[in-house]
Amino acid sequence: MENLFSYGTLRDENVQRAVFNRSLNGVSDAIIGYRLETVTITDSSAIAISGMTVHQILEPTGQDSDQIEGTLFQISDSELQLADAYEDAAYKRVQVRLRSGAQAWVYVRA
C-alpha cells in the first residue's frame, strides 16, 4: 500500500469514485513547509472529473509555520498510477514527511 496525501480534489467522493472506482477512507494530517496557490488546468479528462478548471496546488516555502491541512489515504500501487493519470501536467508527485511523521506521496507544482 502507498500513502497519498490530498489537499484538493482527490478528497471529493465523486472524484474518488471517478478516479479509483471507490470511495477512500482517510485520516486528517498536514503538510509542512508549503502554501496553497491556484492553477488553471488544461487536461480535459481531469476537468470533466472535477468539474473545475481552477484547482489548488502546493508551492514549497520551506517555512515550518506554513502548514496545509488535508487527508492521508492508503491506496494500492495501481491506484497511485490512476491518481497520476488524473493529475494535470501542472503537477508532479513527490514524497514528503507529514506533520504526523508519515511518509506520503503528494502532488505539487511541476
PDB file of N, CA and C in Angstrom:
ATOM      1  N   MET A   1       0.837  -1.190   0.000  1.00  0.00           N
ATOM      2  CA  MET A   1       0.000   0.000   0.000  1.00  0.00           C
ATOM      3  C   MET A   1       0.880   1.252   0.000  1.00  0.00           C
ATOM      4  N   GLU A   2       0.341   2.308  -0.564  1.00  0.00           N
ATOM      5  CA  GLU A   2       1.032   3.590  -0.656  1.00  0.00           C
ATOM      6  C   GLU A   2       0.256   4.644   0.122  1.00  0.00           C
ATOM      7  N   ASN A   3       0.963   5.568   0.754  1.00  0.00           N
ATOM      8  CA  ASN A   3       0.332   6.706   1.404  1.00  0.00           C
ATOM      9  C   ASN A   3       0.233   7.834   0.393  1.00  0.00           C
ATOM     10  N   LEU A   4      -0.955   8.429   0.292  1.00  0.00           N
ATOM     11  CA  LEU A   4      -1.187   9.564  -0.584  1.00  0.00           C
ATOM     12  C   LEU A   4      -1.846  10.667   0.234  1.00  0.00           C
ATOM     13  N   PHE A   5      -1.222  11.844   0.266  1.00  0.00           N
ATOM     14  CA  PHE A   5      -1.773  12.992   0.964  1.00  0.00           C
ATOM     15  C   PHE A   5      -2.501  13.871  -0.045  1.00  0.00           C
ATOM     16  N   SER A   6      -3.743  14.195   0.266  1.00  0.00           N
ATOM     17  CA  SER A   6      -4.525  15.052  -0.615  1.00  0.00           C
ATOM     18  C   SER A   6      -4.989  16.296   0.123  1.00  0.00           C
ATOM     19  N   TYR A   7      -4.895  17.415  -0.548  1.00  0.00           N
ATOM     20  CA  TYR A   7      -5.344  18.704  -0.028  1.00  0.00           C
ATOM     21  C   TYR A   7      -6.400  19.315  -0.956  1.00  0.00           C
ATOM     22  N   GLY A   8      -6.743  18.606  -2.023  1.00  0.00           N
ATOM     23  CA  GLY A   8      -7.627  19.175  -3.033  1.00  0.00           C
ATOM     24  C   GLY A   8      -8.700  18.216  -3.500  1.00  0.00           C
ATOM     25  N   THR A   9      -8.836  18.112  -4.828  1.00  0.00           N
ATOM     26  CA  THR A   9      -9.981  17.413  -5.404  1.00  0.00           C
ATOM     27  C   THR A   9     -10.023  15.915  -5.105  1.00  0.00           C
ATOM     28  N   LEU A  10      -8.889  15.299  -4.828  1.00  0.00           N
ATOM     29  CA  LEU A  10      -8.917  13.855  -4.526  1.00  0.00           C
ATOM     30  C   LEU A  10      -9.582  13.549  -3.186  1.00  0.00           C
ATOM     31  N   ARG A  11      -9.927  14.577  -2.416  1.00  0.00           N
ATOM     32  CA  ARG A  11     -10.696  14.373  -1.182  1.00  0.00           C
ATOM     33  C   ARG A  11     -12.191  14.308  -1.467  1.00  0.00           C
ATOM     34  N   ASP A  12     -12.601  14.708  -2.653  1.00  0.00           N
ATOM     35  CA  ASP A  12     -14.015  14.724  -3.029  1.00  0.00           C
ATOM     36  C   ASP A  12     -14.467  13.313  -3.398  1.00  0.00           C
ATOM     37  N   GLU A  13     -15.547  12.849  -2.802  1.00  0.00           N
ATOM     38  CA  GLU A  13     -16.003  11.475  -3.028  1.00  0.00           C
ATOM     39  C   GLU A  13     -16.347  11.215  -4.488  1.00  0.00           C
ATOM     40  N   ASN A  14     -16.942  12.184  -5.181  1.00  0.00           N
ATOM     41  CA  ASN A  14     -17.274  11.984  -6.593  1.00  0.00           C
ATOM     42  C   ASN A  14     -16.015  11.837  -7.438  1.00  0.00           C
ATOM     43  N   VAL A  15     -14.987  12.594  -7.129  1.00  0.00           N
ATOM     44  CA  VAL A  15     -13.709  12.474  -7.831  1.00  0.00           C
ATOM     45  C   VAL A  15     -13.089  11.108  -7.535  1.00  0.00           C
ATOM     46  N   GLN A  16     -13.126  10.696  -6.273  1.00  0.00           N
ATOM     47  CA  GLN A  16     -12.581   9.386  -5.898  1.00  0.00           C
ATOM     48  C   GLN A  16     -13.268   8.262  -6.672  1.00  0.00           C
ATOM     49  N   ARG A  17     -14.585   8.326  -6.762  1.00  0.00           N
ATOM     50  CA  ARG A  17     -15.315   7.278  -7.491  1.00  0.00           C
ATOM     51  C   ARG A  17     -14.943   7.270  -8.975  1.00  0.00           C
ATOM     52  N   ALA A  18     -14.751   8.443  -9.544  1.00  0.00           N
ATOM     53  CA  ALA A  18     -14.388   8.523 -10.959  1.00  0.00           C
ATOM     54  C   ALA A  18     -12.964   8.042 -11.201  1.00  0.00           C
ATOM     55  N   VAL A  19     -12.042   8.355 -10.288  1.00  0.00           N
ATOM     56  CA  VAL A  19     -10.626   8.004 -10.475  1.00  0.00           C
ATOM     57  C   VAL A  19     -10.344   6.573 -10.034  1.00  0.00           C
ATOM     58  N   PHE A  20     -10.842   6.184  -8.847  1.00  0.00           N
ATOM     59  CA  PHE A  20     -10.491   4.894  -8.240  1.00  0.00           C
ATOM     60  C   PHE A  20     -11.611   3.860  -8.292  1.00  0.00           C
ATOM     61  N   ASN A  21     -12.800   4.285  -8.719  1.00  0.00           N
ATOM     62  CA  ASN A  21     -13.973   3.424  -8.742  1.00  0.00           C
ATOM     63  C   ASN A  21     -14.402   2.983  -7.339  1.00  0.00           C
ATOM     64  N   ARG A  22     -14.080   3.820  -6.337  1.00  0.00           N
ATOM     65  CA  ARG A  22     -14.487   3.557  -4.961  1.00  0.00           C
ATOM     66  C   ARG A  22     -14.266   4.830  -4.138  1.00  0.00           C
ATOM     67  N   SER A  23     -14.872   4.864  -2.958  1.00  0.00           N
ATOM     68  CA  SER A  23     -14.641   5.948  -2.009  1.00  0.00           C
ATOM     69  C   SER A  23     -13.460   5.574  -1.125  1.00  0.00           C
ATOM     70  N   LEU A  24     -12.647   6.552  -0.783  1.00  0.00           N
ATOM     71  CA  LEU A  24     -11.485   6.316   0.068  1.00  0.00           C
ATOM     72  C   LEU A  24     -11.776   6.737   1.498  1.00  0.00           C
ATOM     73  N   ASN A  25     -11.189   6.029   2.444  1.00  0.00           N
ATOM     74  CA  ASN A  25     -11.226   6.423   3.849  1.00  0.00           C
ATOM     75  C   ASN A  25      -9.848   6.936   4.210  1.00  0.00           C
ATOM     76  N   GLY A  26      -9.812   8.068   4.887  1.00  0.00           N
ATOM     77  CA  GLY A  26      -8.526   8.650   5.245  1.00  0.00           C
ATOM     78  C   GLY A  26      -8.553   9.267   6.623  1.00  0.00           C
ATOM     79  N   VAL A  27      -7.404   9.791   7.017  1.00  0.00           N
ATOM     80  CA  VAL A  27      -7.266  10.465   8.309  1.00  0.00           C
ATOM     81  C   VAL A  27      -6.692  11.859   8.065  1.00  0.00           C
ATOM     82  N   SER A  28      -7.059  12.774   8.940  1.00  0.00           N
ATOM     83  CA  SER A  28      -6.559  14.142   8.835  1.00  0.00           C
ATOM     84  C   SER A  28      -5.066  14.185   9.110  1.00  0.00           C
ATOM     85  N   ASP A  29      -4.370  15.012   8.360  1.00  0.00           N
ATOM     86  CA  ASP A  29      -2.941  15.236   8.553  1.00  0.00           C
ATOM     87  C   ASP A  29      -2.620  16.584   7.925  1.00  0.00           C
ATOM     88  N   ALA A  30      -1.373  16.950   7.892  1.00  0.00           N
ATOM     89  CA  ALA A  30      -0.977  18.221   7.290  1.00  0.00           C
ATOM     90  C   ALA A  30       0.417  18.099   6.699  1.00  0.00           C
ATOM     91  N   ILE A  31       0.668  18.915   5.690  1.00  0.00           N
ATOM     92  CA  ILE A  31       1.989  19.011   5.086  1.00  0.00           C
ATOM     93  C   ILE A  31       2.613  20.318   5.570  1.00  0.00           C
ATOM     94  N   ILE A  32       3.887  20.261   5.896  1.00  0.00           N
ATOM     95  CA  ILE A  32       4.592  21.407   6.468  1.00  0.00           C
ATOM     96  C   ILE A  32       5.552  21.977   5.425  1.00  0.00           C
ATOM     97  N   GLY A  33       5.627  23.311   5.395  1.00  0.00           N
ATOM     98  CA  GLY A  33       6.576  23.968   4.508  1.00  0.00           C
ATOM     99  C   GLY A  33       6.043  24.257   3.116  1.00  0.00           C
ATOM    100  N   TYR A  34       4.729  24.307   2.979  1.00  0.00           N
ATOM    101  CA  TYR A  34       4.088  24.599   1.703  1.00  0.00           C
ATOM    102  C   TYR A  34       2.947  25.581   1.915  1.00  0.00           C
ATOM    103  N   ARG A  35       2.589  26.290   0.831  1.00  0.00           N
ATOM    104  CA  ARG A  35       1.402  27.140   0.831  1.00  0.00           C
ATOM    105  C   ARG A  35       0.553  26.764  -0.380  1.00  0.00           C
ATOM    106  N   LEU A  36      -0.735  27.073  -0.303  1.00  0.00           N
ATOM    107  CA  LEU A  36      -1.646  26.787  -1.411  1.00  0.00           C
ATOM    108  C   LEU A  36      -1.703  27.952  -2.373  1.00  0.00           C
ATOM    109  N   GLU A  37      -1.667  27.634  -3.654  1.00  0.00           N
ATOM    110  CA  GLU A  37      -1.877  28.578  -4.745  1.00  0.00           C
ATOM    111  C   GLU A  37      -2.968  27.978  -5.633  1.00  0.00           C
ATOM    112  N   THR A  38      -3.328  28.685  -6.677  1.00  0.00           N
ATOM    113  CA  THR A  38      -4.278  28.131  -7.640  1.00  0.00           C
ATOM    114  C   THR A  38      -3.580  27.956  -8.980  1.00  0.00           C
ATOM    115  N   VAL A  39      -4.106  27.035  -9.759  1.00  0.00           N
ATOM    116  CA  VAL A  39      -3.577  26.773 -11.090  1.00  0.00           C
ATOM    117  C   VAL A  39      -4.761  26.456 -12.008  1.00  0.00           C
ATOM    118  N   THR A  40      -4.683  26.929 -13.227  1.00  0.00           N
ATOM    119  CA  THR A  40      -5.686  26.591 -14.231  1.00  0.00           C
ATOM    120  C   THR A  40      -5.185  25.354 -14.964  1.00  0.00           C
ATOM    121  N   ILE A  41      -5.971  24.282 -14.874  1.00  0.00           N
ATOM    122  CA  ILE A  41      -5.564  23.037 -15.522  1.00  0.00           C
ATOM    123  C   ILE A  41      -6.133  22.984 -16.937  1.00  0.00           C
ATOM    124  N   THR A  42      -5.508  22.173 -17.773  1.00  0.00           N
ATOM    125  CA  THR A  42      -5.905  22.088 -19.177  1.00  0.00           C
ATOM    126  C   THR A  42      -6.303  20.678 -19.602  1.00  0.00           C
ATOM    127  N   ASP A  43      -6.070  19.688 -18.747  1.00  0.00           N
ATOM    128  CA  ASP A  43      -6.393  18.307 -19.098  1.00  0.00           C
ATOM    129  C   ASP A  43      -7.911  18.133 -19.108  1.00  0.00           C
ATOM    130  N   SER A  44      -8.472  17.848 -20.278  1.00  0.00           N
ATOM    131  CA  SER A  44      -9.932  17.785 -20.416  1.00  0.00           C
ATOM    132  C   SER A  44     -10.566  16.689 -19.572  1.00  0.00           C
ATOM    133  N   SER A  45      -9.889  15.557 -19.392  1.00  0.00           N
ATOM    134  CA  SER A  45     -10.479  14.490 -18.576  1.00  0.00           C
ATOM    135  C   SER A  45     -10.472  14.871 -17.094  1.00  0.00           C
ATOM    136  N   ALA A  46      -9.431  15.539 -16.614  1.00  0.00           N
ATOM    137  CA  ALA A  46      -9.395  15.994 -15.222  1.00  0.00           C
ATOM    138  C   ALA A  46     -10.457  17.058 -14.985  1.00  0.00           C
ATOM    139  N   ILE A  47     -10.651  17.943 -15.963  1.00  0.00           N
ATOM    140  CA  ILE A  47     -11.697  18.969 -15.844  1.00  0.00           C
ATOM    141  C   ILE A  47     -13.071  18.306 -15.804  1.00  0.00           C
ATOM    142  N   ALA A  48     -13.284  17.299 -16.648  1.00  0.00           N
ATOM    143  CA  ALA A  48     -14.567  16.597 -16.675  1.00  0.00           C
ATOM    144  C   ALA A  48     -14.846  15.901 -15.349  1.00  0.00           C
ATOM    145  N   ILE A  49     -13.820  15.326 -14.738  1.00  0.00           N
ATOM    146  CA  ILE A  49     -13.998  14.610 -13.472  1.00  0.00           C
ATOM    147  C   ILE A  49     -14.265  15.574 -12.324  1.00  0.00           C
ATOM    148  N   SER A  50     -13.464  16.632 -12.226  1.00  0.00           N
ATOM    149  CA  SER A  50     -13.596  17.556 -11.088  1.00  0.00           C
ATOM    150  C   SER A  50     -14.686  18.597 -11.304  1.00  0.00           C
ATOM    151  N   GLY A  51     -14.987  18.896 -12.569  1.00  0.00           N
ATOM    152  CA  GLY A  51     -15.957  19.927 -12.877  1.00  0.00           C
ATOM    153  C   GLY A  51     -15.390  21.332 -12.755  1.00  0.00           C
ATOM    154  N   MET A  52     -14.060  21.451 -12.645  1.00  0.00           N
ATOM    155  CA  MET A  52     -13.427  22.757 -12.441  1.00  0.00           C
ATOM    156  C   MET A  52     -12.172  22.881 -13.301  1.00  0.00           C
ATOM    157  N   THR A  53     -11.890  24.088 -13.752  1.00  0.00           N
ATOM    158  CA  THR A  53     -10.630  24.337 -14.452  1.00  0.00           C
ATOM    159  C   THR A  53      -9.578  24.911 -13.507  1.00  0.00           C
ATOM    160  N   VAL A  54     -10.002  25.489 -12.391  1.00  0.00           N
ATOM    161  CA  VAL A  54      -9.072  26.055 -11.421  1.00  0.00           C
ATOM    162  C   VAL A  54      -8.978  25.112 -10.227  1.00  0.00           C
ATOM    163  N   HIS A  55      -7.769  24.637  -9.977  1.00  0.00           N
ATOM    164  CA  HIS A  55      -7.513  23.717  -8.868  1.00  0.00           C
ATOM    165  C   HIS A  55      -6.501  24.344  -7.913  1.00  0.00           C
ATOM    166  N   GLN A  56      -6.371  23.747  -6.738  1.00  0.00           N
ATOM    167  CA  GLN A  56      -5.338  24.159  -5.789  1.00  0.00           C
ATOM    168  C   GLN A  56      -4.046  23.430  -6.119  1.00  0.00           C
ATOM    169  N   ILE A  57      -2.921  24.063  -5.779  1.00  0.00           N
ATOM    170  CA  ILE A  57      -1.612  23.454  -5.996  1.00  0.00           C
ATOM    171  C   ILE A  57      -0.681  23.903  -4.884  1.00  0.00           C
ATOM    172  N   LEU A  58       0.223  23.020  -4.486  1.00  0.00           N
ATOM    173  CA  LEU A  58       1.175  23.335  -3.417  1.00  0.00           C
ATOM    174  C   LEU A  58       2.435  23.971  -3.983  1.00  0.00           C
ATOM    175  N   GLU A  59       2.875  25.020  -3.291  1.00  0.00           N
ATOM    176  CA  GLU A  59       4.151  25.685  -3.584  1.00  0.00           C
ATOM    177  C   GLU A  59       5.021  25.548  -2.343  1.00  0.00           C
ATOM    178  N   PRO A  60       6.265  25.097  -2.473  1.00  0.00           N
ATOM    179  CA  PRO A  60       7.134  24.980  -1.298  1.00  0.00           C
ATOM    180  C   PRO A  60       7.553  26.356  -0.785  1.00  0.00           C
ATOM    181  N   THR A  61       7.580  26.484   0.542  1.00  0.00           N
ATOM    182  CA  THR A  61       8.077  27.711   1.175  1.00  0.00           C
ATOM    183  C   THR A  61       9.277  27.429   2.053  1.00  0.00           C
ATOM    184  N   GLY A  62       9.384  26.174   2.546  1.00  0.00           N
ATOM    185  CA  GLY A  62      10.463  25.826   3.460  1.00  0.00           C
ATOM    186  C   GLY A  62      10.253  26.348   4.867  1.00  0.00           C
ATOM    187  N   GLN A  63       9.123  26.971   5.127  1.00  0.00           N
ATOM    188  CA  GLN A  63       8.834  27.542   6.439  1.00  0.00           C
ATOM    189  C   GLN A  63       7.953  26.580   7.251  1.00  0.00           C
ATOM    190  N   ASP A  64       8.420  26.192   8.435  1.00  0.00           N
ATOM    191  CA  ASP A  64       7.633  25.288   9.286  1.00  0.00           C
ATOM    192  C   ASP A  64       6.287  25.878   9.673  1.00  0.00           C
ATOM    193  N   SER A  65       6.169  27.199   9.663  1.00  0.00           N
ATOM    194  CA  SER A  65       4.912  27.850  10.030  1.00  0.00           C
ATOM    195  C   SER A  65       3.843  27.690   8.947  1.00  0.00           C
ATOM    196  N   ASP A  66       4.251  27.325   7.736  1.00  0.00           N
ATOM    197  CA  ASP A  66       3.299  27.105   6.642  1.00  0.00           C
ATOM    198  C   ASP A  66       2.862  25.649   6.649  1.00  0.00           C
ATOM    199  N   GLN A  67       1.601  25.425   7.003  1.00  0.00           N
ATOM    200  CA  GLN A  67       1.055  24.074   7.080  1.00  0.00           C
ATOM    201  C   GLN A  67      -0.294  24.032   6.378  1.00  0.00           C
ATOM    202  N   ILE A  68      -0.478  23.027   5.544  1.00  0.00           N
ATOM    203  CA  ILE A  68      -1.719  22.844   4.811  1.00  0.00           C
ATOM    204  C   ILE A  68      -2.385  21.564   5.306  1.00  0.00           C
ATOM    205  N   GLU A  69      -3.609  21.713   5.782  1.00  0.00           N
ATOM    206  CA  GLU A  69      -4.392  20.570   6.250  1.00  0.00           C
ATOM    207  C   GLU A  69      -4.897  19.773   5.055  1.00  0.00           C
ATOM    208  N   GLY A  70      -5.015  18.478   5.250  1.00  0.00           N
ATOM    209  CA  GLY A  70      -5.528  17.609   4.207  1.00  0.00           C
ATOM    210  C   GLY A  70      -5.854  16.245   4.762  1.00  0.00           C
ATOM    211  N   THR A  71      -5.891  15.269   3.877  1.00  0.00           N
ATOM    212  CA  THR A  71      -6.264  13.906   4.250  1.00  0.00           C
ATOM    213  C   THR A  71      -5.218  12.930   3.737  1.00  0.00           C
ATOM    214  N   LEU A  72      -4.838  11.993   4.598  1.00  0.00           N
ATOM    215  CA  LEU A  72      -3.900  10.935   4.252  1.00  0.00           C
ATOM    216  C   LEU A  72      -4.691   9.671   3.936  1.00  0.00           C
ATOM    217  N   PHE A  73      -4.506   9.184   2.713  1.00  0.00           N
ATOM    218  CA  PHE A  73      -5.182   7.969   2.259  1.00  0.00           C
ATOM    219  C   PHE A  73      -4.158   6.867   2.048  1.00  0.00           C
ATOM    220  N   GLN A  74      -4.585   5.622   2.210  1.00  0.00           N
ATOM    221  CA  GLN A  74      -3.784   4.471   1.813  1.00  0.00           C
ATOM    222  C   GLN A  74      -4.436   3.885   0.575  1.00  0.00           C
ATOM    223  N   ILE A  75      -3.637   3.778  -0.494  1.00  0.00           N
ATOM    224  CA  ILE A  75      -4.134   3.249  -1.758  1.00  0.00           C
ATOM    225  C   ILE A  75      -3.140   2.234  -2.297  1.00  0.00           C
ATOM    226  N   SER A  76      -3.585   1.450  -3.249  1.00  0.00           N
ATOM    227  CA  SER A  76      -2.715   0.436  -3.850  1.00  0.00           C
ATOM    228  C   SER A  76      -1.768   1.092  -4.860  1.00  0.00           C
ATOM    229  N   ASP A  77      -0.754   0.341  -5.265  1.00  0.00           N
ATOM    230  CA  ASP A  77       0.173   0.822  -6.297  1.00  0.00           C
ATOM    231  C   ASP A  77      -0.577   1.160  -7.587  1.00  0.00           C
ATOM    232  N   SER A  78      -1.517   0.303  -7.971  1.00  0.00           N
ATOM    233  CA  SER A  78      -2.262   0.558  -9.212  1.00  0.00           C
ATOM    234  C   SER A  78      -3.149   1.793  -9.066  1.00  0.00           C
ATOM    235  N   GLU A  79      -3.686   2.036  -7.873  1.00  0.00           N
ATOM    236  CA  GLU A  79      -4.486   3.246  -7.659  1.00  0.00           C
ATOM    237  C   GLU A  79      -3.608   4.493  -7.695  1.00  0.00           C
ATOM    238  N   LEU A  80      -2.363   4.378  -7.243  1.00  0.00           N
ATOM    239  CA  LEU A  80      -1.444   5.509  -7.332  1.00  0.00           C
ATOM    240  C   LEU A  80      -1.205   5.872  -8.801  1.00  0.00           C
ATOM    241  N   GLN A  81      -1.129   4.872  -9.665  1.00  0.00           N
ATOM    242  CA  GLN A  81      -0.980   5.123 -11.099  1.00  0.00           C
ATOM    243  C   GLN A  81      -2.228   5.804 -11.666  1.00  0.00           C
ATOM    244  N   LEU A  82      -3.404   5.420 -11.152  1.00  0.00           N
ATOM    245  CA  LEU A  82      -4.644   6.079 -11.579  1.00  0.00           C
ATOM    246  C   LEU A  82      -4.650   7.542 -11.150  1.00  0.00           C
ATOM    247  N   ALA A  83      -4.150   7.824  -9.949  1.00  0.00           N
ATOM    248  CA  ALA A  83      -4.055   9.213  -9.482  1.00  0.00           C
ATOM    249  C   ALA A  83      -3.094   9.996 -10.366  1.00  0.00           C
ATOM    250  N   ASP A  84      -1.981   9.384 -10.744  1.00  0.00           N
ATOM    251  CA  ASP A  84      -1.034  10.036 -11.653  1.00  0.00           C
ATOM    252  C   ASP A  84      -1.712  10.407 -12.975  1.00  0.00           C
ATOM    253  N   ALA A  85      -2.523   9.489 -13.491  1.00  0.00           N
ATOM    254  CA  ALA A  85      -3.202   9.733 -14.759  1.00  0.00           C
ATOM    255  C   ALA A  85      -4.236  10.851 -14.637  1.00  0.00           C
ATOM    256  N   TYR A  86      -4.858  10.983 -13.472  1.00  0.00           N
ATOM    257  CA  TYR A  86      -5.863  12.031 -13.237  1.00  0.00           C
ATOM    258  C   TYR A  86      -5.231  13.412 -13.155  1.00  0.00           C
ATOM    259  N   GLU A  87      -4.081  13.519 -12.508  1.00  0.00           N
ATOM    260  CA  GLU A  87      -3.479  14.831 -12.271  1.00  0.00           C
ATOM    261  C   GLU A  87      -2.984  15.468 -13.568  1.00  0.00           C
ATOM    262  N   ASP A  88      -3.198  16.748 -13.672  1.00  0.00           N
ATOM    263  CA  ASP A  88      -2.815  17.550 -14.826  1.00  0.00           C
ATOM    264  C   ASP A  88      -1.292  17.668 -14.907  1.00  0.00           C
ATOM    265  N   ALA A  89      -0.779  18.058 -16.069  1.00  0.00           N
ATOM    266  CA  ALA A  89       0.664  18.234 -16.270  1.00  0.00           C
ATOM    267  C   ALA A  89       1.254  19.326 -15.385  1.00  0.00           C
ATOM    268  N   ALA A  90       0.410  20.157 -14.776  1.00  0.00           N
ATOM    269  CA  ALA A  90       0.895  21.197 -13.865  1.00  0.00           C
ATOM    270  C   ALA A  90       1.450  20.607 -12.572  1.00  0.00           C
ATOM    271  N   TYR A  91       1.145  19.331 -12.305  1.00  0.00           N
ATOM    272  CA  TYR A  91       1.526  18.673 -11.056  1.00  0.00           C
ATOM    273  C   TYR A  91       2.624  17.643 -11.278  1.00  0.00           C
ATOM    274  N   LYS A  92       3.407  17.442 -10.234  1.00  0.00           N
ATOM    275  CA  LYS A  92       4.320  16.304 -10.177  1.00  0.00           C
ATOM    276  C   LYS A  92       4.145  15.664  -8.804  1.00  0.00           C
ATOM    277  N   ARG A  93       4.433  14.378  -8.729  1.00  0.00           N
ATOM    278  CA  ARG A  93       4.283  13.642  -7.467  1.00  0.00           C
ATOM    279  C   ARG A  93       5.637  13.557  -6.789  1.00  0.00           C
ATOM    280  N   VAL A  94       5.670  13.948  -5.492  1.00  0.00           N
ATOM    281  CA  VAL A  94       6.889  13.856  -4.691  1.00  0.00           C
ATOM    282  C   VAL A  94       6.553  13.192  -3.363  1.00  0.00           C
ATOM    283  N   GLN A  95       7.582  12.655  -2.708  1.00  0.00           N
ATOM    284  CA  GLN A  95       7.376  12.048  -1.400  1.00  0.00           C
ATOM    285  C   GLN A  95       7.808  13.037  -0.319  1.00  0.00           C
ATOM    286  N   VAL A  96       6.976  13.155   0.725  1.00  0.00           N
ATOM    287  CA  VAL A  96       7.227  14.105   1.811  1.00  0.00           C
ATOM    288  C   VAL A  96       6.933  13.436   3.153  1.00  0.00           C
ATOM    289  N   ARG A  97       7.407  14.078   4.212  1.00  0.00           N
ATOM    290  CA  ARG A  97       7.048  13.671   5.568  1.00  0.00           C
ATOM    291  C   ARG A  97       5.965  14.622   6.058  1.00  0.00           C
ATOM    292  N   LEU A  98       4.871  14.067   6.560  1.00  0.00           N
ATOM    293  CA  LEU A  98       3.752  14.866   7.039  1.00  0.00           C
ATOM    294  C   LEU A  98       3.925  15.218   8.514  1.00  0.00           C
ATOM    295  N   ARG A  99       3.056  16.075   9.014  1.00  0.00           N
ATOM    296  CA  ARG A  99       3.115  16.503  10.413  1.00  0.00           C
ATOM    297  C   ARG A  99       3.075  15.309  11.366  1.00  0.00           C
ATOM    298  N   SER A 100       2.323  14.265  10.998  1.00  0.00           N
ATOM    299  CA  SER A 100       2.205  13.072  11.839  1.00  0.00           C
ATOM    300  C   SER A 100       3.491  12.245  11.856  1.00  0.00           C
ATOM    301  N   GLY A 101       4.392  12.520  10.923  1.00  0.00           N
ATOM    302  CA  GLY A 101       5.606  11.721  10.762  1.00  0.00           C
ATOM    303  C   GLY A 101       5.511  10.711   9.638  1.00  0.00           C
ATOM    304  N   ALA A 102       4.305  10.522   9.091  1.00  0.00           N
ATOM    305  CA  ALA A 102       4.110   9.568   7.996  1.00  0.00           C
ATOM    306  C   ALA A 102       4.785  10.072   6.723  1.00  0.00           C
ATOM    307  N   GLN A 103       5.356   9.138   5.960  1.00  0.00           N
ATOM    308  CA  GLN A 103       5.873   9.427   4.623  1.00  0.00           C
ATOM    309  C   GLN A 103       4.713   9.250   3.656  1.00  0.00           C
ATOM    310  N   ALA A 104       4.543  10.187   2.725  1.00  0.00           N
ATOM    311  CA  ALA A 104       3.425  10.100   1.790  1.00  0.00           C
ATOM    312  C   ALA A 104       3.789  10.748   0.469  1.00  0.00           C
ATOM    313  N   TRP A 105       3.105  10.300  -0.562  1.00  0.00           N
ATOM    314  CA  TRP A 105       3.179  10.955  -1.863  1.00  0.00           C
ATOM    315  C   TRP A 105       2.224  12.136  -1.844  1.00  0.00           C
ATOM    316  N   VAL A 106       2.588  13.200  -2.546  1.00  0.00           N
ATOM    317  CA  VAL A 106       1.733  14.375  -2.683  1.00  0.00           C
ATOM    318  C   VAL A 106       2.010  15.014  -4.036  1.00  0.00           C
ATOM    319  N   TYR A 107       1.008  15.677  -4.587  1.00  0.00           N
ATOM    320  CA  TYR A 107       1.165  16.365  -5.857  1.00  0.00           C
ATOM    321  C   TYR A 107       1.438  17.848  -5.604  1.00  0.00           C
ATOM    322  N   VAL A 108       2.523  18.347  -6.195  1.00  0.00           N
ATOM    323  CA  VAL A 108       2.944  19.734  -6.046  1.00  0.00           C
ATOM    324  C   VAL A 108       3.151  20.325  -7.435  1.00  0.00           C
ATOM    325  N   ARG A 109       3.431  21.616  -7.501  1.00  0.00           N
ATOM    326  CA  ARG A 109       3.658  22.267  -8.798  1.00  0.00           C
ATOM    327  C   ARG A 109       4.853  21.634  -9.505  1.00  0.00           C
ATOM    328  N   ALA A 110       4.652  21.286 -10.768  1.00  0.00           N
ATOM    329  CA  ALA A 110       5.705  20.654 -11.571  1.00  0.00           C
ATOM    330  C   ALA A 110       6.802  21.655 -11.912  1.00  0.00           C
TER     331      ALA A 110
END
